[in-house]
N, C-alpha and C. Protein backbone atom coordinates (compact mmCIF):
# COMPACT_ATOMS: atom_id res chain seq x y z
N MET A 1 2.56 3.07 9.35
CA MET A 1 2.05 3.10 8.01
C MET A 1 0.69 3.82 7.88
N THR A 2 0.63 4.79 6.98
CA THR A 2 -0.56 5.63 6.85
C THR A 2 -1.59 4.80 6.08
N HIS A 3 -2.82 5.34 6.09
CA HIS A 3 -3.91 4.69 5.33
C HIS A 3 -3.60 4.49 3.84
N GLU A 4 -3.07 5.69 3.29
CA GLU A 4 -2.71 5.73 1.86
C GLU A 4 -1.53 4.67 1.59
N GLU A 5 -0.58 4.54 2.54
CA GLU A 5 0.45 3.53 2.32
C GLU A 5 -0.15 2.09 2.45
N LEU A 6 -1.16 1.88 3.21
CA LEU A 6 -1.77 0.57 3.28
C LEU A 6 -2.57 0.36 1.95
N GLU A 7 -3.23 1.41 1.51
CA GLU A 7 -3.96 1.17 0.18
C GLU A 7 -2.92 0.88 -0.94
N LEU A 8 -1.81 1.65 -0.97
CA LEU A 8 -0.75 1.41 -1.92
C LEU A 8 -0.22 -0.09 -1.78
N ALA A 9 0.01 -0.54 -0.59
CA ALA A 9 0.54 -1.90 -0.35
C ALA A 9 -0.43 -2.93 -1.00
N ILE A 10 -1.74 -2.72 -0.73
CA ILE A 10 -2.73 -3.62 -1.26
C ILE A 10 -2.82 -3.44 -2.78
N LEU A 11 -2.82 -2.25 -3.39
CA LEU A 11 -2.80 -2.09 -4.75
C LEU A 11 -1.59 -2.81 -5.41
N LYS A 12 -0.41 -2.67 -4.76
CA LYS A 12 0.80 -3.26 -5.35
C LYS A 12 0.72 -4.77 -5.29
N ASN A 13 0.03 -5.33 -4.29
CA ASN A 13 -0.04 -6.75 -4.12
C ASN A 13 -1.29 -7.47 -4.61
N ALA A 14 -2.21 -6.74 -5.23
CA ALA A 14 -3.46 -7.16 -5.50
C ALA A 14 -3.48 -8.48 -6.41
N HIS A 15 -2.52 -8.50 -7.35
CA HIS A 15 -2.51 -9.64 -8.30
C HIS A 15 -2.01 -10.91 -7.61
N ALA A 16 -1.32 -10.74 -6.47
CA ALA A 16 -0.70 -11.86 -5.82
C ALA A 16 -1.32 -12.28 -4.56
N ILE A 17 -2.51 -11.67 -4.20
CA ILE A 17 -3.18 -11.93 -2.99
C ILE A 17 -3.86 -13.48 -3.06
N SER A 18 -3.27 -14.22 -2.23
CA SER A 18 -3.77 -15.68 -2.20
C SER A 18 -4.84 -15.74 -1.13
N SER A 19 -4.84 -14.95 -0.18
CA SER A 19 -5.87 -14.80 0.83
C SER A 19 -5.68 -13.48 1.61
N GLN A 20 -6.78 -13.11 2.21
CA GLN A 20 -6.61 -11.80 3.03
C GLN A 20 -5.72 -12.08 4.28
N LYS A 21 -5.79 -13.20 4.77
CA LYS A 21 -4.95 -13.55 5.85
C LYS A 21 -3.45 -13.47 5.52
N SER A 22 -3.13 -14.10 4.45
CA SER A 22 -1.69 -14.07 4.00
C SER A 22 -1.21 -12.69 3.80
N LEU A 23 -2.06 -11.80 3.13
CA LEU A 23 -1.68 -10.47 2.87
C LEU A 23 -1.53 -9.65 4.29
N ALA A 24 -2.49 -9.98 5.19
CA ALA A 24 -2.43 -9.31 6.51
C ALA A 24 -1.11 -9.65 7.22
N ASP A 25 -0.73 -10.94 7.14
CA ASP A 25 0.48 -11.40 7.81
C ASP A 25 1.70 -10.73 7.17
N GLU A 26 1.69 -10.62 5.78
CA GLU A 26 2.79 -10.05 5.07
C GLU A 26 3.01 -8.56 5.36
N ILE A 27 2.01 -7.87 5.49
CA ILE A 27 2.22 -6.38 5.63
C ILE A 27 1.94 -5.97 7.09
N GLY A 28 1.53 -6.88 7.90
CA GLY A 28 1.40 -6.58 9.40
C GLY A 28 0.17 -5.94 9.90
N PHE A 29 -0.90 -6.23 9.31
CA PHE A 29 -2.21 -5.63 9.73
C PHE A 29 -3.16 -6.80 10.01
N SER A 30 -4.27 -6.54 10.73
CA SER A 30 -5.18 -7.50 10.94
C SER A 30 -5.95 -7.86 9.66
N VAL A 31 -6.59 -9.06 9.71
CA VAL A 31 -7.38 -9.49 8.60
C VAL A 31 -8.67 -8.51 8.40
N GLY A 32 -9.12 -8.04 9.49
CA GLY A 32 -10.26 -7.23 9.49
C GLY A 32 -10.02 -5.84 8.84
N LYS A 33 -8.75 -5.39 9.13
CA LYS A 33 -8.35 -4.07 8.47
C LYS A 33 -8.10 -4.24 7.03
N ILE A 34 -7.46 -5.32 6.70
CA ILE A 34 -7.34 -5.70 5.19
C ILE A 34 -8.58 -5.82 4.44
N ASN A 35 -9.48 -6.52 5.15
CA ASN A 35 -10.76 -6.75 4.47
C ASN A 35 -11.51 -5.35 4.39
N HIS A 36 -11.48 -4.49 5.33
CA HIS A 36 -12.20 -3.15 5.24
C HIS A 36 -11.52 -2.34 4.16
N VAL A 37 -10.23 -2.33 4.01
CA VAL A 37 -9.57 -1.41 3.01
C VAL A 37 -9.79 -2.10 1.63
N LEU A 38 -9.67 -3.39 1.59
CA LEU A 38 -9.91 -4.08 0.30
C LEU A 38 -11.34 -3.75 -0.27
N LYS A 39 -12.33 -3.91 0.62
CA LYS A 39 -13.73 -3.74 0.22
C LYS A 39 -13.87 -2.24 -0.25
N ALA A 40 -13.28 -1.24 0.42
CA ALA A 40 -13.31 0.09 0.01
C ALA A 40 -12.72 0.32 -1.40
N LEU A 41 -11.56 -0.44 -1.61
CA LEU A 41 -10.89 -0.33 -2.91
C LEU A 41 -11.80 -0.86 -3.99
N VAL A 42 -12.51 -1.90 -3.71
CA VAL A 42 -13.42 -2.52 -4.65
C VAL A 42 -14.57 -1.56 -4.86
N ASP A 43 -15.15 -1.06 -3.82
CA ASP A 43 -16.23 -0.10 -3.94
C ASP A 43 -15.82 1.17 -4.81
N LYS A 44 -14.59 1.58 -4.63
CA LYS A 44 -14.17 2.76 -5.33
C LYS A 44 -13.84 2.46 -6.84
N GLY A 45 -13.87 1.15 -7.21
CA GLY A 45 -13.55 0.74 -8.52
C GLY A 45 -12.17 0.62 -8.96
N PHE A 46 -11.22 0.45 -7.80
CA PHE A 46 -9.85 0.36 -8.13
C PHE A 46 -9.45 -1.13 -8.20
N ILE A 47 -10.13 -2.07 -7.63
CA ILE A 47 -9.91 -3.44 -7.63
C ILE A 47 -11.19 -4.15 -7.99
N LYS A 48 -10.97 -5.19 -8.89
CA LYS A 48 -12.15 -6.04 -9.17
C LYS A 48 -11.84 -7.41 -8.53
N ALA A 49 -12.88 -7.87 -7.84
CA ALA A 49 -12.79 -9.19 -7.19
C ALA A 49 -13.63 -10.23 -8.00
N GLU A 50 -12.88 -11.22 -8.33
CA GLU A 50 -13.57 -12.34 -9.00
C GLU A 50 -13.43 -13.67 -8.31
N ARG A 51 -14.49 -14.45 -8.14
CA ARG A 51 -14.46 -15.74 -7.45
C ARG A 51 -13.78 -16.71 -8.34
N PHE A 52 -13.05 -17.62 -7.72
CA PHE A 52 -12.59 -18.67 -8.57
C PHE A 52 -13.67 -19.82 -8.70
N LEU A 53 -14.33 -19.73 -9.77
CA LEU A 53 -15.49 -20.68 -9.97
C LEU A 53 -15.11 -22.12 -10.06
N THR A 54 -13.81 -22.40 -10.49
CA THR A 54 -13.45 -23.74 -10.61
C THR A 54 -12.81 -24.26 -9.34
N SER A 55 -12.63 -23.41 -8.30
CA SER A 55 -12.00 -23.87 -7.06
C SER A 55 -13.05 -24.61 -6.31
N ASP A 56 -12.44 -25.56 -5.42
CA ASP A 56 -13.27 -26.29 -4.43
C ASP A 56 -13.77 -25.35 -3.37
N ASN A 57 -12.95 -24.30 -3.04
CA ASN A 57 -13.22 -23.36 -2.07
C ASN A 57 -13.83 -22.16 -2.71
N LYS A 58 -15.17 -21.99 -2.67
CA LYS A 58 -15.82 -20.87 -3.42
C LYS A 58 -15.72 -19.57 -2.71
N THR A 59 -15.01 -19.52 -1.58
CA THR A 59 -14.79 -18.15 -0.98
C THR A 59 -13.56 -17.50 -1.37
N LYS A 60 -12.78 -18.31 -2.24
CA LYS A 60 -11.45 -17.66 -2.67
C LYS A 60 -11.79 -16.65 -3.85
N TYR A 61 -11.03 -15.58 -3.89
CA TYR A 61 -11.22 -14.59 -4.93
C TYR A 61 -9.88 -14.31 -5.55
N LYS A 62 -9.99 -13.81 -6.74
CA LYS A 62 -8.80 -13.31 -7.48
C LYS A 62 -9.11 -11.85 -7.52
N TYR A 63 -8.03 -10.95 -7.22
CA TYR A 63 -8.10 -9.52 -7.25
C TYR A 63 -7.34 -9.00 -8.36
N LEU A 64 -7.96 -8.05 -9.08
CA LEU A 64 -7.28 -7.48 -10.28
C LEU A 64 -7.48 -6.00 -10.23
N LEU A 65 -6.34 -5.32 -10.60
CA LEU A 65 -6.48 -3.85 -10.66
C LEU A 65 -7.28 -3.43 -11.93
N THR A 66 -8.09 -2.43 -11.73
CA THR A 66 -8.90 -1.94 -12.85
C THR A 66 -7.94 -0.76 -13.52
N ASP A 67 -8.37 -0.16 -14.50
CA ASP A 67 -7.59 0.96 -15.10
C ASP A 67 -7.52 2.10 -14.11
N ASN A 68 -8.72 2.34 -13.38
CA ASN A 68 -8.62 3.32 -12.33
C ASN A 68 -7.77 2.90 -11.20
N GLY A 69 -7.71 1.70 -10.93
CA GLY A 69 -6.84 1.17 -9.87
C GLY A 69 -5.33 1.36 -10.21
N ILE A 70 -4.99 1.22 -11.48
CA ILE A 70 -3.63 1.47 -11.96
C ILE A 70 -3.30 2.96 -11.79
N GLN A 71 -4.26 3.83 -12.13
CA GLN A 71 -4.01 5.22 -12.04
C GLN A 71 -3.86 5.59 -10.54
N GLU A 72 -4.69 5.07 -9.63
CA GLU A 72 -4.56 5.33 -8.25
C GLU A 72 -3.26 4.84 -7.68
N LYS A 73 -2.79 3.66 -8.11
CA LYS A 73 -1.54 3.14 -7.71
C LYS A 73 -0.42 4.12 -8.10
N ILE A 74 -0.44 4.58 -9.28
CA ILE A 74 0.53 5.58 -9.82
C ILE A 74 0.51 6.84 -8.95
N ALA A 75 -0.68 7.35 -8.76
CA ALA A 75 -0.82 8.66 -7.93
C ALA A 75 -0.32 8.52 -6.51
N LEU A 76 -0.75 7.36 -5.86
CA LEU A 76 -0.24 7.07 -4.46
C LEU A 76 1.29 6.85 -4.37
N THR A 77 1.80 6.23 -5.42
CA THR A 77 3.20 5.99 -5.46
C THR A 77 3.98 7.33 -5.55
N LYS A 78 3.52 8.28 -6.48
CA LYS A 78 4.05 9.61 -6.60
C LYS A 78 3.92 10.29 -5.23
N LYS A 79 2.80 10.28 -4.63
CA LYS A 79 2.68 10.90 -3.23
C LYS A 79 3.63 10.33 -2.21
N PHE A 80 3.82 9.04 -2.24
CA PHE A 80 4.68 8.41 -1.33
C PHE A 80 6.17 8.84 -1.57
N ILE A 81 6.48 8.84 -2.81
CA ILE A 81 7.88 9.26 -3.16
C ILE A 81 8.19 10.64 -2.75
N ALA A 82 7.23 11.58 -2.99
CA ALA A 82 7.31 12.97 -2.67
C ALA A 82 7.47 13.12 -1.17
N ARG A 83 6.63 12.37 -0.41
CA ARG A 83 6.70 12.41 1.02
C ARG A 83 8.07 11.97 1.62
N LYS A 84 8.51 10.81 1.07
CA LYS A 84 9.84 10.28 1.50
C LYS A 84 10.95 11.18 1.09
N LYS A 85 10.83 11.83 -0.13
CA LYS A 85 11.92 12.76 -0.52
C LYS A 85 11.99 13.89 0.43
N ALA A 86 10.79 14.44 0.79
CA ALA A 86 10.76 15.57 1.76
C ALA A 86 11.32 15.22 3.15
N GLU A 87 11.04 13.90 3.59
CA GLU A 87 11.65 13.51 4.85
C GLU A 87 13.16 13.31 4.69
N TYR A 88 13.56 12.79 3.60
CA TYR A 88 15.03 12.69 3.42
C TYR A 88 15.73 14.12 3.45
N GLU A 89 15.13 15.07 2.69
CA GLU A 89 15.69 16.37 2.70
C GLU A 89 15.67 17.02 4.07
N GLU A 90 14.69 16.81 4.90
CA GLU A 90 14.62 17.34 6.13
C GLU A 90 15.68 16.64 7.06
N LEU A 91 15.93 15.39 6.91
CA LEU A 91 16.94 14.70 7.68
C LEU A 91 18.31 15.12 7.21
N GLN A 92 18.44 15.42 5.98
CA GLN A 92 19.78 15.93 5.41
C GLN A 92 20.07 17.19 6.02
N LYS A 93 19.09 18.14 6.10
CA LYS A 93 19.28 19.49 6.74
C LYS A 93 19.66 19.31 8.19
N ASP A 94 18.96 18.40 8.93
CA ASP A 94 19.39 18.23 10.37
C ASP A 94 20.75 17.75 10.48
N LEU A 95 21.15 16.81 9.70
CA LEU A 95 22.51 16.26 9.72
C LEU A 95 23.53 17.36 9.44
N GLU A 96 23.27 18.23 8.40
CA GLU A 96 24.16 19.24 8.14
C GLU A 96 24.33 20.24 9.25
N ALA A 97 23.12 20.62 9.88
CA ALA A 97 23.14 21.45 11.05
C ALA A 97 23.93 20.89 12.22
N ASP A 98 23.72 19.50 12.39
CA ASP A 98 24.53 18.87 13.49
C ASP A 98 26.01 18.88 13.24
N ILE A 99 26.38 18.63 11.94
CA ILE A 99 27.84 18.67 11.63
C ILE A 99 28.39 20.03 11.82
N LEU A 100 27.67 21.11 11.51
CA LEU A 100 28.07 22.50 11.68
C LEU A 100 28.20 22.75 13.23
N LYS A 101 27.25 22.25 13.95
CA LYS A 101 27.20 22.56 15.36
C LYS A 101 28.33 21.88 16.06
N TRP A 102 28.49 20.59 15.81
CA TRP A 102 29.53 19.82 16.49
C TRP A 102 30.84 19.92 15.93
N GLY A 103 30.99 20.37 14.61
CA GLY A 103 32.26 20.53 14.03
C GLY A 103 32.93 21.79 14.55
N GLN A 104 32.18 22.77 15.01
CA GLN A 104 32.71 24.01 15.46
C GLN A 104 33.24 23.91 16.85
N ASN A 105 32.91 22.92 17.68
CA ASN A 105 33.40 22.69 19.01
C ASN A 105 34.68 22.02 19.10
């Protein structure tokens, strides 16, 4: 998973993050890496972090996408789709070449 794909995964799941550990477990990265990327997204203004003031655990946060975060999520999704489409087309060409090569023998 690229850095952009990790950012996209966090942006896609921002509303449902119950803890950085649960997100790290879900997408297969360390808590430290999730924390680093999440902080960067907050610093860039893509995610807003709010403390649960009514919670007994004052270290819990609620993460919300900002308008800029929504735009970034859209842009990263478009890039992801374009990259996957290009990979698919390349695989399709390879498959067609293999069919021609092996079909002639």
